[in-house]
Amino acid sequence: MKEKIKSAWKWLRKNVFNKEMIIPMLISEAIFWSPCIVTGIMGLCGYSKAWIWFSAVIAFWAGPFTPATELQIGLAFLIKKLFKKKPKQSQDSPD
């Protein structure tokens, strides 16, 4: 079990915790937690029932058997893939 945890940590350090994944991770976190952000702002603006929705969303995704972390990392990789710069093709291609 200890070796599995070590290998998972190495994979995370190599693929997720690096410079090129900072922006995609921040975007994916903002997208994933947007229901909490919206209901929190609604609650701060005076709509008291929004705090119930806010609590329900957090309680659901913070549960032990939800795939929240996997979804956030997967969404970050999708965002990275969508916005990755494509290399320019050479102009000397034969037609």
C-alpha atoms as a PDB file:
ATOM      1  CA  MET A   1       0.000   0.000   0.000  1.00  0.00           C
ATOM      2  CA  LYS A   2       2.859   2.325   0.835  1.00  0.00           C
ATOM      3  CA  GLU A   3       4.391   1.806  -2.615  1.00  0.00           C
ATOM      4  CA  LYS A   4       1.073   2.638  -4.318  1.00  0.00           C
ATOM      5  CA  ILE A   5       0.866   5.897  -2.392  1.00  0.00           C
ATOM      6  CA  LYS A   6       4.467   6.737  -3.293  1.00  0.00           C
ATOM      7  CA  SER A   7       3.897   6.020  -6.988  1.00  0.00           C
ATOM      8  CA  ALA A   8       0.685   8.073  -6.993  1.00  0.00           C
ATOM      9  CA  TRP A   9       2.505  10.977  -5.345  1.00  0.00           C
ATOM     10  CA  LYS A  10       5.324  10.775  -7.918  1.00  0.00           C
ATOM     11  CA  TRP A  11       2.769  10.818 -10.746  1.00  0.00           C
ATOM     12  CA  LEU A  12       1.002  13.844  -9.238  1.00  0.00           C
ATOM     13  CA  ARG A  13       4.290  15.728  -8.812  1.00  0.00           C
ATOM     14  CA  LYS A  14       5.310  14.990 -12.395  1.00  0.00           C
ATOM     15  CA  ASN A  15       1.987  15.606 -14.164  1.00  0.00           C
ATOM     16  CA  VAL A  16      -0.099  17.934 -12.003  1.00  0.00           C
ATOM     17  CA  PHE A  17       2.140  19.972  -9.695  1.00  0.00           C
ATOM     18  CA  ASN A  18       4.181  21.792 -12.329  1.00  0.00           C
ATOM     19  CA  LYS A  19       4.295  25.239 -13.924  1.00  0.00           C
ATOM     20  CA  GLU A  20       2.272  24.449 -17.016  1.00  0.00           C
ATOM     21  CA  MET A  21      -0.675  23.102 -14.989  1.00  0.00           C
ATOM     22  CA  ILE A  22      -1.173  26.100 -12.670  1.00  0.00           C
ATOM     23  CA  ILE A  23      -3.572  28.026 -14.908  1.00  0.00           C
ATOM     24  CA  PRO A  24      -5.594  24.957 -16.034  1.00  0.00           C
ATOM     25  CA  MET A  25      -5.931  23.846 -12.395  1.00  0.00           C
ATOM     26  CA  LEU A  26      -7.149  27.280 -11.308  1.00  0.00           C
ATOM     27  CA  ILE A  27      -9.668  27.383 -14.167  1.00  0.00           C
ATOM     28  CA  SER A  28     -10.902  23.859 -13.430  1.00  0.00           C
ATOM     29  CA  GLU A  29     -11.278  24.669  -9.723  1.00  0.00           C
ATOM     30  CA  ALA A  30     -13.285  27.796 -10.563  1.00  0.00           C
ATOM     31  CA  ILE A  31     -15.529  25.804 -12.919  1.00  0.00           C
ATOM     32  CA  PHE A  32     -15.955  22.900 -10.513  1.00  0.00           C
ATOM     33  CA  TRP A  33     -16.760  25.054  -7.489  1.00  0.00           C
ATOM     34  CA  SER A  34     -18.842  27.634  -9.394  1.00  0.00           C
ATOM     35  CA  PRO A  35     -22.126  26.429  -7.812  1.00  0.00           C
ATOM     36  CA  CYS A  36     -20.633  27.205  -4.380  1.00  0.00           C
ATOM     37  CA  ILE A  37     -19.281  30.547  -5.579  1.00  0.00           C
ATOM     38  CA  VAL A  38     -22.642  31.596  -7.029  1.00  0.00           C
ATOM     39  CA  THR A  39     -24.709  30.469  -4.041  1.00  0.00           C
ATOM     40  CA  GLY A  40     -22.206  32.047  -1.621  1.00  0.00           C
ATOM     41  CA  ILE A  41     -22.510  35.381  -3.417  1.00  0.00           C
ATOM     42  CA  MET A  42     -26.297  35.033  -3.394  1.00  0.00           C
ATOM     43  CA  GLY A  43     -26.166  34.358   0.359  1.00  0.00           C
ATOM     44  CA  LEU A  44     -23.974  37.387   0.949  1.00  0.00           C
ATOM     45  CA  CYS A  45     -26.425  39.516  -1.033  1.00  0.00           C
ATOM     46  CA  GLY A  46     -29.224  38.635   1.348  1.00  0.00           C
ATOM     47  CA  TYR A  47     -30.907  35.537  -0.090  1.00  0.00           C
ATOM     48  CA  SER A  48     -30.771  33.361   3.031  1.00  0.00           C
ATOM     49  CA  LYS A  49     -31.915  30.110   1.383  1.00  0.00           C
ATOM     50  CA  ALA A  50     -28.786  30.156  -0.778  1.00  0.00           C
ATOM     51  CA  TRP A  51     -26.741  29.084   2.254  1.00  0.00           C
ATOM     52  CA  ILE A  52     -28.712  25.825   2.330  1.00  0.00           C
ATOM     53  CA  TRP A  53     -27.796  25.169  -1.316  1.00  0.00           C
ATOM     54  CA  PHE A  54     -24.198  26.166  -0.617  1.00  0.00           C
ATOM     55  CA  SER A  55     -23.986  23.715   2.295  1.00  0.00           C
ATOM     56  CA  ALA A  56     -25.626  20.936   0.286  1.00  0.00           C
ATOM     57  CA  VAL A  57     -23.150  21.259  -2.596  1.00  0.00           C
ATOM     58  CA  ILE A  58     -20.152  21.282  -0.273  1.00  0.00           C
ATOM     59  CA  ALA A  59     -21.510  18.365   1.774  1.00  0.00           C
ATOM     60  CA  PHE A  60     -22.075  16.320  -1.376  1.00  0.00           C
ATOM     61  CA  TRP A  61     -18.650  16.898  -2.977  1.00  0.00           C
ATOM     62  CA  ALA A  62     -16.749  16.633   0.316  1.00  0.00           C
ATOM     63  CA  GLY A  63     -18.122  13.147   0.906  1.00  0.00           C
ATOM     64  CA  PRO A  64     -15.670  10.255   1.065  1.00  0.00           C
ATOM     65  CA  PHE A  65     -16.975   8.371  -1.980  1.00  0.00           C
ATOM     66  CA  THR A  66     -17.327  11.172  -4.501  1.00  0.00           C
ATOM     67  CA  PRO A  67     -14.892  11.516  -7.413  1.00  0.00           C
ATOM     68  CA  ALA A  68     -14.327  15.238  -6.841  1.00  0.00           C
ATOM     69  CA  THR A  69     -10.523  15.212  -6.979  1.00  0.00           C
ATOM     70  CA  GLU A  70     -10.428  12.992 -10.059  1.00  0.00           C
ATOM     71  CA  LEU A  71     -12.960  15.180 -11.848  1.00  0.00           C
ATOM     72  CA  GLN A  72     -11.006  18.344 -11.049  1.00  0.00           C
ATOM     73  CA  ILE A  73      -7.721  16.888 -12.299  1.00  0.00           C
ATOM     74  CA  GLY A  74      -9.411  15.462 -15.397  1.00  0.00           C
ATOM     75  CA  LEU A  75     -11.013  18.813 -16.147  1.00  0.00           C
ATOM     76  CA  ALA A  76      -7.623  20.507 -15.782  1.00  0.00           C
ATOM     77  CA  PHE A  77      -6.059  18.092 -18.287  1.00  0.00           C
ATOM     78  CA  LEU A  78      -8.966  18.695 -20.691  1.00  0.00           C
ATOM     79  CA  ILE A  79      -8.517  22.466 -20.420  1.00  0.00           C
ATOM     80  CA  LYS A  80      -4.773  22.091 -20.957  1.00  0.00           C
ATOM     81  CA  LYS A  81      -5.383  19.953 -24.040  1.00  0.00           C
ATOM     82  CA  LEU A  82      -7.938  22.385 -25.467  1.00  0.00           C
ATOM     83  CA  PHE A  83      -5.699  25.430 -25.090  1.00  0.00           C
ATOM     84  CA  LYS A  84      -2.386  23.794 -25.969  1.00  0.00           C
ATOM     85  CA  LYS A  85      -0.513  25.637 -28.689  1.00  0.00           C
ATOM     86  CA  LYS A  86      -0.170  23.666 -31.865  1.00  0.00           C
ATOM     87  CA  PRO A  87       3.255  23.686 -33.510  1.00  0.00           C
ATOM     88  CA  LYS A  88       3.411  25.560 -36.781  1.00  0.00           C
ATOM     89  CA  GLN A  89       3.733  23.398 -39.847  1.00  0.00           C
ATOM     90  CA  SER A  90       6.555  24.160 -42.212  1.00  0.00           C
ATOM     91  CA  GLN A  91       5.805  26.093 -45.374  1.00  0.00           C
ATOM     92  CA  ASP A  92       7.830  23.658 -47.488  1.00  0.00           C
ATOM     93  CA  SER A  93       5.273  20.887 -47.540  1.00  0.00           C
ATOM     94  CA  PRO A  94       4.929  19.299 -50.994  1.00  0.00           C
ATOM     95  CA  ASP A  95       1.505  19.536 -52.647  1.00  0.00           C
END
